[in-house]
Amino acid sequence: MLHVRVVSPADRTGEVEEALLDCPAVTNVAVLPGAARRPSGDLVLCDVAREGANAVLDTLRGLGLEENGSIAVERVDLSVSRGAEEAQRAAPGYGDDAVIWEELDRRTIEETRVTWAYLAFLAIATQIAAIGVLVPSTILIVGAMVLGPEFGAVSAICFGLLRRDWPRIAAAARTLVIGFAAAIAVTFLCAIVSRWLGWIDPSWLDLNKEMEFIVKPDRWSFIVALLAGTAGVLSITAGRSSALVGVFISVTTVPAAGNIAVGLALSHLGEVWGSLAQLGVNLAGMILAGTATLAVQRVAWRKYGFRLPGPTRRSVTGPRREP
């Protein structure tokens, strides 16, 4: 279940209440007249089955609340209510299969931002991966994969391709390029210092035959990237963060970046080119599969998704955004 909080201008509260009460996927509707202050208006609360969230949000946006009020949605961890159970039964399908397009839209916008936290996580992950390559240690490689935050930008590119949103695609691609460039640069400098101190030397890479999967991309690398891209998008749309961890472990984007930095510092150009190819193969495979997965979900939603009648007494303010 999802909890929806609406601030509605007083002259539209009746339409909002009517729309919510007419939706079988909605329960626990409460109206508090004049309770809202900024923006001013009435406060309307309800719970909605995840499968019906898109229809409810479309209806509320159609009443102009996006411009003249507010709409907030949060996840309900526990709902002990017969009404909630009936609302879930009334909505077709299952909550895990429902894609809340508005949520995905806002989330992918956030993932296109180059923040200090994003750069720090990616740089730390790349350094851990570089150490794992040098030691060598599979445990460190896996740990670096889990820590890497790059799939958020990949998902933003997938959503941008689905919507033909070129500014979003450009911003997400910039985030990936800046992030990996900064992480590789930081790791390269650390490796140069380590080499100057005598802690590492070029022979360390010659001994790491068990790490060849990082520098030798093949058909299996691309297949794994396709599977990981599909699973990653499904985990985001279904809200299953535990599955997303498995996606991070499946692809060698961060280990490849770490190996690029180490290869440059130790003058192993063969390692560098192989790792660049591996990085490109993984990113391309995830973007291709992720976009295809979203396209399939959009077709399924349009054909089988929950629908409500549009508002009849007030015209929609602004164009409706299709998923």
C-alpha atoms as a PDB file:
ATOM      1  CA  MET A   1       0.000   0.000   0.000  1.00  0.00           C
ATOM      2  CA  LEU A   2       0.970   3.621  -0.557  1.00  0.00           C
ATOM      3  CA  HIS A   3      -0.064   6.618   1.526  1.00  0.00           C
ATOM      4  CA  VAL A   4      -1.117   9.695  -0.446  1.00  0.00           C
ATOM      5  CA  ARG A   5      -1.215  13.177   1.074  1.00  0.00           C
ATOM      6  CA  VAL A   6      -2.962  15.883  -0.939  1.00  0.00           C
ATOM      7  CA  VAL A   7      -3.232  19.626  -0.320  1.00  0.00           C
ATOM      8  CA  SER A   8      -6.210  20.812  -2.314  1.00  0.00           C
ATOM      9  CA  PRO A   9      -7.661  24.292  -2.868  1.00  0.00           C
ATOM     10  CA  ALA A  10     -11.028  24.446  -1.118  1.00  0.00           C
ATOM     11  CA  ASP A  11     -12.940  24.769  -4.399  1.00  0.00           C
ATOM     12  CA  ARG A  12     -11.506  21.482  -5.691  1.00  0.00           C
ATOM     13  CA  THR A  13     -11.704  19.326  -2.577  1.00  0.00           C
ATOM     14  CA  GLY A  14     -15.109  17.954  -3.542  1.00  0.00           C
ATOM     15  CA  GLU A  15     -13.769  16.717  -6.873  1.00  0.00           C
ATOM     16  CA  VAL A  16     -10.716  15.211  -5.182  1.00  0.00           C
ATOM     17  CA  GLU A  17     -12.843  13.430  -2.594  1.00  0.00           C
ATOM     18  CA  GLU A  18     -15.246  12.147  -5.240  1.00  0.00           C
ATOM     19  CA  ALA A  19     -12.422  10.840  -7.415  1.00  0.00           C
ATOM     20  CA  LEU A  20     -10.822   9.003  -4.493  1.00  0.00           C
ATOM     21  CA  LEU A  21     -14.073   7.510  -3.220  1.00  0.00           C
ATOM     22  CA  ASP A  22     -14.964   6.302  -6.731  1.00  0.00           C
ATOM     23  CA  CYS A  23     -11.674   4.381  -7.005  1.00  0.00           C
ATOM     24  CA  PRO A  24     -11.920   0.826  -5.633  1.00  0.00           C
ATOM     25  CA  ALA A  25      -8.141   0.724  -5.110  1.00  0.00           C
ATOM     26  CA  VAL A  26      -8.358   3.554  -2.546  1.00  0.00           C
ATOM     27  CA  THR A  27      -9.211   3.223   1.140  1.00  0.00           C
ATOM     28  CA  ASN A  28      -8.851   5.133   4.434  1.00  0.00           C
ATOM     29  CA  VAL A  29      -9.924   8.445   2.885  1.00  0.00           C
ATOM     30  CA  ALA A  30      -9.825  11.393   5.306  1.00  0.00           C
ATOM     31  CA  VAL A  31     -10.573  15.085   4.630  1.00  0.00           C
ATOM     32  CA  LEU A  32      -9.372  17.844   6.981  1.00  0.00           C
ATOM     33  CA  PRO A  33     -10.904  21.162   5.827  1.00  0.00           C
ATOM     34  CA  GLY A  34      -8.599  24.158   6.083  1.00  0.00           C
ATOM     35  CA  ALA A  35      -5.765  22.171   7.702  1.00  0.00           C
ATOM     36  CA  ALA A  36      -3.063  23.100   5.190  1.00  0.00           C
ATOM     37  CA  ARG A  37      -1.105  26.350   5.453  1.00  0.00           C
ATOM     38  CA  ARG A  38       1.633  26.377   2.772  1.00  0.00           C
ATOM     39  CA  PRO A  39       0.047  26.069   0.321  1.00  0.00           C
ATOM     40  CA  SER A  40      -3.243  26.875   1.993  1.00  0.00           C
ATOM     41  CA  GLY A  41      -6.190  24.586   1.457  1.00  0.00           C
ATOM     42  CA  ASP A  42      -7.739  21.340   2.632  1.00  0.00           C
ATOM     43  CA  LEU A  43      -5.719  18.271   3.579  1.00  0.00           C
ATOM     44  CA  VAL A  44      -6.876  15.005   1.999  1.00  0.00           C
ATOM     45  CA  LEU A  45      -5.329  11.694   3.054  1.00  0.00           C
ATOM     46  CA  CYS A  46      -5.830   8.207   1.661  1.00  0.00           C
ATOM     47  CA  ASP A  47      -4.171   4.838   1.137  1.00  0.00           C
ATOM     48  CA  VAL A  48      -4.007   3.319  -2.328  1.00  0.00           C
ATOM     49  CA  ALA A  49      -2.966  -0.098  -3.603  1.00  0.00           C
ATOM     50  CA  ARG A  50       0.293   0.184  -5.523  1.00  0.00           C
ATOM     51  CA  GLU A  51      -1.386  -1.236  -8.638  1.00  0.00           C
ATOM     52  CA  GLY A  52      -3.805   1.700  -8.683  1.00  0.00           C
ATOM     53  CA  ALA A  53      -1.293   4.461  -7.925  1.00  0.00           C
ATOM     54  CA  ASN A  54      -0.801   5.585 -11.528  1.00  0.00           C
ATOM     55  CA  ALA A  55      -4.530   6.025 -12.111  1.00  0.00           C
ATOM     56  CA  VAL A  56      -4.941   8.008  -8.876  1.00  0.00           C
ATOM     57  CA  LEU A  57      -1.945  10.235  -9.573  1.00  0.00           C
ATOM     58  CA  ASP A  58      -3.106  10.896 -13.141  1.00  0.00           C
ATOM     59  CA  THR A  59      -6.535  11.908 -11.857  1.00  0.00           C
ATOM     60  CA  LEU A  60      -5.132  14.197  -9.159  1.00  0.00           C
ATOM     61  CA  ARG A  61      -2.768  15.849 -11.628  1.00  0.00           C
ATOM     62  CA  GLY A  62      -5.667  16.257 -14.012  1.00  0.00           C
ATOM     63  CA  LEU A  63      -7.465  18.305 -11.334  1.00  0.00           C
ATOM     64  CA  GLY A  64      -4.584  20.787 -11.339  1.00  0.00           C
ATOM     65  CA  LEU A  65      -3.230  19.906  -7.882  1.00  0.00           C
ATOM     66  CA  GLU A  66       0.323  19.762  -9.171  1.00  0.00           C
ATOM     67  CA  GLU A  67       0.159  23.502  -9.860  1.00  0.00           C
ATOM     68  CA  ASN A  68      -2.226  24.774  -7.171  1.00  0.00           C
ATOM     69  CA  GLY A  69      -1.715  22.323  -4.336  1.00  0.00           C
ATOM     70  CA  SER A  70       0.568  19.381  -3.683  1.00  0.00           C
ATOM     71  CA  ILE A  71       0.653  15.601  -3.987  1.00  0.00           C
ATOM     72  CA  ALA A  72       2.953  13.484  -1.811  1.00  0.00           C
ATOM     73  CA  VAL A  73       3.281   9.705  -1.813  1.00  0.00           C
ATOM     74  CA  GLU A  74       5.062   7.457   0.666  1.00  0.00           C
ATOM     75  CA  ARG A  75       5.303   3.717   1.159  1.00  0.00           C
ATOM     76  CA  VAL A  76       3.285   2.052   3.914  1.00  0.00           C
ATOM     77  CA  ASP A  77       5.364  -0.609   5.649  1.00  0.00           C
ATOM     78  CA  LEU A  78       2.434  -2.158   7.499  1.00  0.00           C
ATOM     79  CA  SER A  79      -1.313  -1.774   7.021  1.00  0.00           C
ATOM     80  CA  VAL A  80      -3.637  -3.791   9.260  1.00  0.00           C
ATOM     81  CA  SER A  81      -6.975  -3.126   7.619  1.00  0.00           C
ATOM     82  CA  ARG A  82      -9.677  -5.119   5.886  1.00  0.00           C
ATOM     83  CA  GLY A  83     -10.300  -2.085   3.697  1.00  0.00           C
ATOM     84  CA  ALA A  84      -6.677  -2.146   2.544  1.00  0.00           C
ATOM     85  CA  GLU A  85      -6.932  -5.841   1.708  1.00  0.00           C
ATOM     86  CA  GLU A  86     -10.100  -5.216  -0.306  1.00  0.00           C
ATOM     87  CA  ALA A  87      -8.448  -2.318  -2.151  1.00  0.00           C
ATOM     88  CA  GLN A  88      -5.527  -4.545  -3.124  1.00  0.00           C
ATOM     89  CA  ARG A  89      -7.904  -7.244  -4.350  1.00  0.00           C
ATOM     90  CA  ALA A  90      -9.885  -4.685  -6.363  1.00  0.00           C
ATOM     91  CA  ALA A  91      -6.786  -3.500  -8.244  1.00  0.00           C
ATOM     92  CA  PRO A  92      -5.700  -5.924 -10.995  1.00  0.00           C
ATOM     93  CA  GLY A  93      -2.353  -7.697 -10.789  1.00  0.00           C
ATOM     94  CA  TYR A  94       0.202  -7.522  -7.996  1.00  0.00           C
ATOM     95  CA  GLY A  95       1.978  -4.611  -6.372  1.00  0.00           C
ATOM     96  CA  ASP A  96       5.451  -5.857  -7.312  1.00  0.00           C
ATOM     97  CA  ASP A  97       4.503  -5.793 -11.000  1.00  0.00           C
ATOM     98  CA  ALA A  98       3.179  -2.219 -10.924  1.00  0.00           C
ATOM     99  CA  VAL A  99       5.402   0.590 -12.228  1.00  0.00           C
ATOM    100  CA  ILE A 100       4.713   3.981 -10.672  1.00  0.00           C
ATOM    101  CA  TRP A 101       5.846   6.129 -13.580  1.00  0.00           C
ATOM    102  CA  GLU A 102       5.777   9.418 -11.699  1.00  0.00           C
ATOM    103  CA  GLU A 103       8.053   7.969  -8.998  1.00  0.00           C
ATOM    104  CA  LEU A 104      10.435   6.581 -11.627  1.00  0.00           C
ATOM    105  CA  ASP A 105      10.463   9.929 -13.402  1.00  0.00           C
ATOM    106  CA  ARG A 106      11.449  11.874 -10.283  1.00  0.00           C
ATOM    107  CA  ARG A 107      13.937   9.240  -9.151  1.00  0.00           C
ATOM    108  CA  THR A 108      15.817   9.156 -12.437  1.00  0.00           C
ATOM    109  CA  ILE A 109      16.014  12.959 -12.472  1.00  0.00           C
ATOM    110  CA  GLU A 110      17.825  12.776  -9.127  1.00  0.00           C
ATOM    111  CA  GLU A 111      20.208  10.136 -10.490  1.00  0.00           C
ATOM    112  CA  THR A 112      21.474  12.520 -13.194  1.00  0.00           C
ATOM    113  CA  ARG A 113      23.052  14.864 -10.641  1.00  0.00           C
ATOM    114  CA  VAL A 114      26.803  14.852 -10.069  1.00  0.00           C
ATOM    115  CA  THR A 115      26.915  15.069  -6.274  1.00  0.00           C
ATOM    116  CA  TRP A 116      29.870  14.835  -3.942  1.00  0.00           C
ATOM    117  CA  ALA A 117      28.368  11.704  -2.397  1.00  0.00           C
ATOM    118  CA  TYR A 118      28.151  10.030  -5.824  1.00  0.00           C
ATOM    119  CA  LEU A 119      31.763  10.923  -6.667  1.00  0.00           C
ATOM    120  CA  ALA A 120      33.000   9.790  -3.249  1.00  0.00           C
ATOM    121  CA  PHE A 121      31.237   6.407  -3.393  1.00  0.00           C
ATOM    122  CA  LEU A 122      32.446   5.729  -6.935  1.00  0.00           C
ATOM    123  CA  ALA A 123      36.026   6.783  -6.132  1.00  0.00           C
ATOM    124  CA  ILE A 124      36.138   4.622  -3.007  1.00  0.00           C
ATOM    125  CA  ALA A 125      34.630   1.675  -4.861  1.00  0.00           C
ATOM    126  CA  THR A 126      37.156   2.042  -7.682  1.00  0.00           C
ATOM    127  CA  GLN A 127      40.072   2.157  -5.231  1.00  0.00           C
ATOM    128  CA  ILE A 128      38.839  -0.960  -3.446  1.00  0.00           C
ATOM    129  CA  ALA A 129      38.516  -2.691  -6.823  1.00  0.00           C
ATOM    130  CA  ALA A 130      42.064  -1.642  -7.754  1.00  0.00           C
ATOM    131  CA  ILE A 131      43.406  -3.120  -4.524  1.00  0.00           C
ATOM    132  CA  GLY A 132      41.418  -6.278  -5.211  1.00  0.00           C
ATOM    133  CA  VAL A 133      43.025  -6.545  -8.642  1.00  0.00           C
ATOM    134  CA  LEU A 134      46.523  -6.103  -7.239  1.00  0.00           C
ATOM    135  CA  VAL A 135      46.285  -8.391  -4.198  1.00  0.00           C
ATOM    136  CA  PRO A 136      44.342 -10.245  -5.844  1.00  0.00           C
ATOM    137  CA  SER A 137      41.142 -10.688  -3.829  1.00  0.00           C
ATOM    138  CA  THR A 138      37.747 -11.688  -5.183  1.00  0.00           C
ATOM    139  CA  ILE A 139      36.150 -10.534  -1.919  1.00  0.00           C
ATOM    140  CA  LEU A 140      37.420  -6.998  -2.464  1.00  0.00           C
ATOM    141  CA  ILE A 141      36.227  -7.063  -6.088  1.00  0.00           C
ATOM    142  CA  VAL A 142      32.721  -8.064  -5.002  1.00  0.00           C
ATOM    143  CA  GLY A 143      32.729  -5.439  -2.254  1.00  0.00           C
ATOM    144  CA  ALA A 144      33.658  -2.755  -4.779  1.00  0.00           C
ATOM    145  CA  MET A 145      30.839  -3.874  -7.070  1.00  0.00           C
ATOM    146  CA  VAL A 146      28.282  -3.508  -4.272  1.00  0.00           C
ATOM    147  CA  LEU A 147      29.570  -0.062  -3.307  1.00  0.00           C
ATOM    148  CA  GLY A 148      29.463   1.416  -6.833  1.00  0.00           C
ATOM    149  CA  PRO A 149      26.529   3.829  -7.400  1.00  0.00           C
ATOM    150  CA  GLU A 150      26.646   3.953 -11.191  1.00  0.00           C
ATOM    151  CA  PHE A 151      23.452   2.027 -11.964  1.00  0.00           C
ATOM    152  CA  GLY A 152      21.332   5.042 -11.014  1.00  0.00           C
ATOM    153  CA  ALA A 153      22.700   7.003 -13.984  1.00  0.00           C
ATOM    154  CA  VAL A 154      22.271   3.936 -16.206  1.00  0.00           C
ATOM    155  CA  SER A 155      18.586   3.706 -15.233  1.00  0.00           C
ATOM    156  CA  ALA A 156      18.176   7.418 -15.982  1.00  0.00           C
ATOM    157  CA  ILE A 157      19.537   6.857 -19.507  1.00  0.00           C
ATOM    158  CA  CYS A 158      17.114   3.946 -19.979  1.00  0.00           C
ATOM    159  CA  PHE A 159      14.143   6.051 -18.887  1.00  0.00           C
ATOM    160  CA  GLY A 160      15.339   8.921 -21.049  1.00  0.00           C
ATOM    161  CA  LEU A 161      15.539   6.674 -24.104  1.00  0.00           C
ATOM    162  CA  LEU A 162      12.024   5.394 -23.405  1.00  0.00           C
ATOM    163  CA  ARG A 163      10.667   8.936 -23.200  1.00  0.00           C
ATOM    164  CA  ARG A 164      13.014  10.381 -25.854  1.00  0.00           C
ATOM    165  CA  ASP A 165      14.135  12.824 -23.184  1.00  0.00           C
ATOM    166  CA  TRP A 166      17.478  13.867 -24.671  1.00  0.00           C
ATOM    167  CA  PRO A 167      18.424  16.392 -21.931  1.00  0.00           C
ATOM    168  CA  ARG A 168      17.974  13.652 -19.313  1.00  0.00           C
ATOM    169  CA  ILE A 169      20.077  11.242 -21.373  1.00  0.00           C
ATOM    170  CA  ALA A 170      22.817  13.845 -21.797  1.00  0.00           C
ATOM    171  CA  ALA A 171      22.815  14.675 -18.075  1.00  0.00           C
ATOM    172  CA  ALA A 172      22.989  10.988 -17.063  1.00  0.00           C
ATOM    173  CA  ALA A 173      25.759  10.274 -19.583  1.00  0.00           C
ATOM    174  CA  ARG A 174      27.682  13.268 -18.233  1.00  0.00           C
ATOM    175  CA  THR A 175      27.255  11.889 -14.716  1.00  0.00           C
ATOM    176  CA  LEU A 176      28.715   8.530 -15.790  1.00  0.00           C
ATOM    177  CA  VAL A 177      31.639  10.096 -17.641  1.00  0.00           C
ATOM    178  CA  ILE A 178      32.523  12.565 -14.884  1.00  0.00           C
ATOM    179  CA  GLY A 179      32.095   9.939 -12.188  1.00  0.00           C
ATOM    180  CA  PHE A 180      34.292   7.297 -13.797  1.00  0.00           C
ATOM    181  CA  ALA A 181      36.861   9.859 -14.948  1.00  0.00           C
ATOM    182  CA  ALA A 182      37.183  11.276 -11.421  1.00  0.00           C
ATOM    183  CA  ALA A 183      37.293   7.821  -9.820  1.00  0.00           C
ATOM    184  CA  ILE A 184      39.957   6.586 -12.251  1.00  0.00           C
ATOM    185  CA  ALA A 185      42.009   9.766 -11.753  1.00  0.00           C
ATOM    186  CA  VAL A 186      41.956   9.472  -7.959  1.00  0.00           C
ATOM    187  CA  THR A 187      42.806   5.766  -8.098  1.00  0.00           C
ATOM    188  CA  PHE A 188      45.575   6.432 -10.650  1.00  0.00           C
ATOM    189  CA  LEU A 189      47.192   9.008  -8.355  1.00  0.00           C
ATOM    190  CA  CYS A 190      47.015   6.613  -5.404  1.00  0.00           C
ATOM    191  CA  ALA A 191      48.583   3.862  -7.523  1.00  0.00           C
ATOM    192  CA  ILE A 192      51.362   6.203  -8.680  1.00  0.00           C
ATOM    193  CA  VAL A 193      52.173   7.082  -5.055  1.00  0.00           C
ATOM    194  CA  SER A 194      52.124   3.385  -4.114  1.00  0.00           C
ATOM    195  CA  ARG A 195      54.503   2.597  -6.952  1.00  0.00           C
ATOM    196  CA  TRP A 196      56.819   5.446  -5.920  1.00  0.00           C
ATOM    197  CA  LEU A 197      56.859   4.091  -2.354  1.00  0.00           C
ATOM    198  CA  GLY A 198      57.747   0.637  -3.670  1.00  0.00           C
ATOM    199  CA  TRP A 199      54.542  -0.978  -2.473  1.00  0.00           C
ATOM    200  CA  ILE A 200      53.581  -2.212  -5.968  1.00  0.00           C
ATOM    201  CA  ASP A 201      55.357  -2.821  -9.274  1.00  0.00           C
ATOM    202  CA  PRO A 202      54.331  -3.868 -12.830  1.00  0.00           C
ATOM    203  CA  SER A 203      54.930  -7.543 -12.102  1.00  0.00           C
ATOM    204  CA  TRP A 204      51.876  -7.600  -9.833  1.00  0.00           C
ATOM    205  CA  LEU A 205      49.552  -7.461 -12.813  1.00  0.00           C
ATOM    206  CA  ASP A 206      51.408 -10.247 -14.624  1.00  0.00           C
ATOM    207  CA  LEU A 207      50.511 -12.678 -11.857  1.00  0.00           C
ATOM    208  CA  ASN A 208      46.773 -12.013 -11.783  1.00  0.00           C
ATOM    209  CA  LYS A 209      45.500 -14.607 -14.259  1.00  0.00           C
ATOM    210  CA  GLU A 210      42.372 -15.182 -12.165  1.00  0.00           C
ATOM    211  CA  MET A 211      41.353 -11.577 -12.847  1.00  0.00           C
ATOM    212  CA  GLU A 212      41.334 -11.982 -16.628  1.00  0.00           C
ATOM    213  CA  PHE A 213      37.535 -11.710 -16.681  1.00  0.00           C
ATOM    214  CA  ILE A 214      37.964  -7.978 -16.060  1.00  0.00           C
ATOM    215  CA  VAL A 215      40.129  -7.339 -19.131  1.00  0.00           C
ATOM    216  CA  LYS A 216      38.794  -9.905 -21.590  1.00  0.00           C
ATOM    217  CA  PRO A 217      35.172  -9.146 -22.465  1.00  0.00           C
ATOM    218  CA  ASP A 218      33.383 -11.840 -24.468  1.00  0.00           C
ATOM    219  CA  ARG A 219      29.858 -12.917 -25.352  1.00  0.00           C
ATOM    220  CA  TRP A 220      29.224 -13.943 -21.759  1.00  0.00           C
ATOM    221  CA  SER A 221      30.134 -10.463 -20.524  1.00  0.00           C
ATOM    222  CA  PHE A 222      27.475  -8.987 -22.795  1.00  0.00           C
ATOM    223  CA  ILE A 223      24.870 -11.598 -21.826  1.00  0.00           C
ATOM    224  CA  VAL A 224      25.495 -10.958 -18.122  1.00  0.00           C
ATOM    225  CA  ALA A 225      25.182  -7.212 -18.745  1.00  0.00           C
ATOM    226  CA  LEU A 226      21.833  -7.755 -20.506  1.00  0.00           C
ATOM    227  CA  LEU A 227      20.531  -9.875 -17.644  1.00  0.00           C
ATOM    228  CA  ALA A 228      21.818  -7.411 -15.057  1.00  0.00           C
ATOM    229  CA  GLY A 229      20.220  -4.468 -16.859  1.00  0.00           C
ATOM    230  CA  THR A 230      16.859  -6.253 -16.942  1.00  0.00           C
ATOM    231  CA  ALA A 231      17.071  -7.247 -13.281  1.00  0.00           C
ATOM    232  CA  GLY A 232      18.216  -3.760 -12.275  1.00  0.00           C
ATOM    233  CA  VAL A 233      15.255  -2.006 -13.888  1.00  0.00           C
ATOM    234  CA  LEU A 234      12.834  -4.570 -12.460  1.00  0.00           C
ATOM    235  CA  SER A 235      14.285  -4.102  -8.971  1.00  0.00           C
ATOM    236  CA  ILE A 236      13.894  -0.310  -9.227  1.00  0.00           C
ATOM    237  CA  THR A 237      10.333  -0.394 -10.571  1.00  0.00           C
ATOM    238  CA  ALA A 238       9.272  -3.028  -8.025  1.00  0.00           C
ATOM    239  CA  GLY A 239      11.056  -1.277  -5.143  1.00  0.00           C
ATOM    240  CA  ARG A 240      13.238  -4.281  -4.300  1.00  0.00           C
ATOM    241  CA  SER A 241      16.608  -2.887  -3.221  1.00  0.00           C
ATOM    242  CA  SER A 242      17.915  -6.324  -2.221  1.00  0.00           C
ATOM    243  CA  ALA A 243      17.683  -7.478  -5.835  1.00  0.00           C
ATOM    244  CA  LEU A 244      19.594  -4.375  -6.956  1.00  0.00           C
ATOM    245  CA  VAL A 245      22.574  -5.471  -4.847  1.00  0.00           C
ATOM    246  CA  GLY A 246      22.735  -8.641  -6.922  1.00  0.00           C
ATOM    247  CA  VAL A 247      22.835  -6.507 -10.063  1.00  0.00           C
ATOM    248  CA  PHE A 248      25.843  -4.597  -8.742  1.00  0.00           C
ATOM    249  CA  ILE A 249      27.666  -7.869  -8.076  1.00  0.00           C
ATOM    250  CA  SER A 250      26.907  -9.178 -11.569  1.00  0.00           C
ATOM    251  CA  VAL A 251      28.683  -6.576 -13.700  1.00  0.00           C
ATOM    252  CA  THR A 252      32.328  -5.535 -13.703  1.00  0.00           C
ATOM    253  CA  THR A 253      32.020  -1.800 -14.350  1.00  0.00           C
ATOM    254  CA  VAL A 254      33.782  -0.661 -11.170  1.00  0.00           C
ATOM    255  CA  PRO A 255      36.467  -3.410 -11.285  1.00  0.00           C
ATOM    256  CA  ALA A 256      37.172  -2.456 -14.894  1.00  0.00           C
ATOM    257  CA  ALA A 257      37.588   1.187 -13.862  1.00  0.00           C
ATOM    258  CA  GLY A 258      39.938   0.178 -11.064  1.00  0.00           C
ATOM    259  CA  ASN A 259      41.984  -1.934 -13.432  1.00  0.00           C
ATOM    260  CA  ILE A 260      42.220   0.973 -15.902  1.00  0.00           C
ATOM    261  CA  ALA A 261      43.764   3.155 -13.190  1.00  0.00           C
ATOM    262  CA  VAL A 262      46.199   0.458 -12.077  1.00  0.00           C
ATOM    263  CA  GLY A 263      47.131  -0.401 -15.659  1.00  0.00           C
ATOM    264  CA  LEU A 264      47.936   3.257 -16.379  1.00  0.00           C
ATOM    265  CA  ALA A 265      50.014   3.618 -13.214  1.00  0.00           C
ATOM    266  CA  LEU A 266      51.977   0.422 -13.903  1.00  0.00           C
ATOM    267  CA  SER A 267      52.321   1.046 -17.675  1.00  0.00           C
ATOM    268  CA  HIS A 268      50.236  -1.978 -18.713  1.00  0.00           C
ATOM    269  CA  LEU A 269      48.396  -0.563 -21.723  1.00  0.00           C
ATOM    270  CA  GLY A 270      46.973  -3.978 -22.632  1.00  0.00           C
ATOM    271  CA  GLU A 271      45.162  -4.023 -19.300  1.00  0.00           C
ATOM    272  CA  VAL A 272      43.865  -0.514 -19.933  1.00  0.00           C
ATOM    273  CA  TRP A 273      42.356  -1.217 -23.365  1.00  0.00           C
ATOM    274  CA  GLY A 274      40.844  -4.508 -22.251  1.00  0.00           C
ATOM    275  CA  SER A 275      39.269  -2.890 -19.204  1.00  0.00           C
ATOM    276  CA  LEU A 276      37.912  -0.008 -21.298  1.00  0.00           C
ATOM    277  CA  ALA A 277      36.277  -2.548 -23.602  1.00  0.00           C
ATOM    278  CA  GLN A 278      34.816  -4.398 -20.610  1.00  0.00           C
ATOM    279  CA  LEU A 279      33.434  -1.164 -19.166  1.00  0.00           C
ATOM    280  CA  GLY A 280      31.843  -0.230 -22.500  1.00  0.00           C
ATOM    281  CA  VAL A 281      30.337  -3.691 -23.032  1.00  0.00           C
ATOM    282  CA  ASN A 282      28.762  -3.718 -19.575  1.00  0.00           C
ATOM    283  CA  LEU A 283      27.300  -0.220 -19.817  1.00  0.00           C
ATOM    284  CA  ALA A 284      25.962  -0.814 -23.335  1.00  0.00           C
ATOM    285  CA  GLY A 285      24.372  -4.131 -22.351  1.00  0.00           C
ATOM    286  CA  MET A 286      22.686  -2.699 -19.257  1.00  0.00           C
ATOM    287  CA  ILE A 287      21.336   0.321 -21.134  1.00  0.00           C
ATOM    288  CA  LEU A 288      19.992  -1.826 -23.976  1.00  0.00           C
ATOM    289  CA  ALA A 289      18.301  -4.350 -21.688  1.00  0.00           C
ATOM    290  CA  GLY A 290      17.043  -1.728 -19.233  1.00  0.00           C
ATOM    291  CA  THR A 291      15.388   0.313 -21.981  1.00  0.00           C
ATOM    292  CA  ALA A 292      13.794  -2.795 -23.498  1.00  0.00           C
ATOM    293  CA  THR A 293      12.454  -3.824 -20.077  1.00  0.00           C
ATOM    294  CA  LEU A 294      10.860  -0.425 -19.508  1.00  0.00           C
ATOM    295  CA  ALA A 295       9.339  -0.547 -22.996  1.00  0.00           C
ATOM    296  CA  VAL A 296       7.752  -3.931 -22.274  1.00  0.00           C
ATOM    297  CA  GLN A 297       6.421  -2.660 -18.947  1.00  0.00           C
ATOM    298  CA  ARG A 298       4.931   0.408 -20.631  1.00  0.00           C
ATOM    299  CA  VAL A 299       3.133  -1.700 -23.229  1.00  0.00           C
ATOM    300  CA  ALA A 300       1.829  -4.036 -20.533  1.00  0.00           C
ATOM    301  CA  TRP A 301       0.648  -1.078 -18.427  1.00  0.00           C
ATOM    302  CA  ARG A 302      -1.223   0.530 -21.318  1.00  0.00           C
ATOM    303  CA  LYS A 303      -2.955  -2.758 -22.116  1.00  0.00           C
ATOM    304  CA  TYR A 304      -3.652  -4.190 -18.667  1.00  0.00           C
ATOM    305  CA  GLY A 305      -3.161  -1.289 -16.257  1.00  0.00           C
ATOM    306  CA  PHE A 306      -5.781   0.083 -13.882  1.00  0.00           C
ATOM    307  CA  ARG A 307      -7.814   3.007 -15.279  1.00  0.00           C
ATOM    308  CA  LEU A 308     -10.074   5.687 -13.846  1.00  0.00           C
ATOM    309  CA  PRO A 309     -12.362   8.110 -15.698  1.00  0.00           C
ATOM    310  CA  GLY A 310     -10.660  11.468 -16.245  1.00  0.00           C
ATOM    311  CA  PRO A 311     -11.916  14.623 -14.501  1.00  0.00           C
ATOM    312  CA  THR A 312     -15.069  15.934 -16.119  1.00  0.00           C
ATOM    313  CA  ARG A 313     -15.700  19.238 -14.363  1.00  0.00           C
ATOM    314  CA  ARG A 314     -12.288  20.826 -14.679  1.00  0.00           C
ATOM    315  CA  SER A 315      -9.885  20.808 -17.616  1.00  0.00           C
ATOM    316  CA  VAL A 316      -6.391  19.433 -17.174  1.00  0.00           C
ATOM    317  CA  THR A 317      -3.799  22.129 -16.435  1.00  0.00           C
ATOM    318  CA  GLY A 318      -0.845  21.412 -18.693  1.00  0.00           C
ATOM    319  CA  PRO A 319      -0.099  18.416 -20.881  1.00  0.00           C
ATOM    320  CA  ARG A 320      -0.501  14.972 -19.414  1.00  0.00           C
ATOM    321  CA  ARG A 321       2.767  13.065 -19.243  1.00  0.00           C
ATOM    322  CA  GLU A 322       2.489   9.587 -20.658  1.00  0.00           C
ATOM    323  CA  PRO A 323       4.754   6.892 -19.191  1.00  0.00           C
END
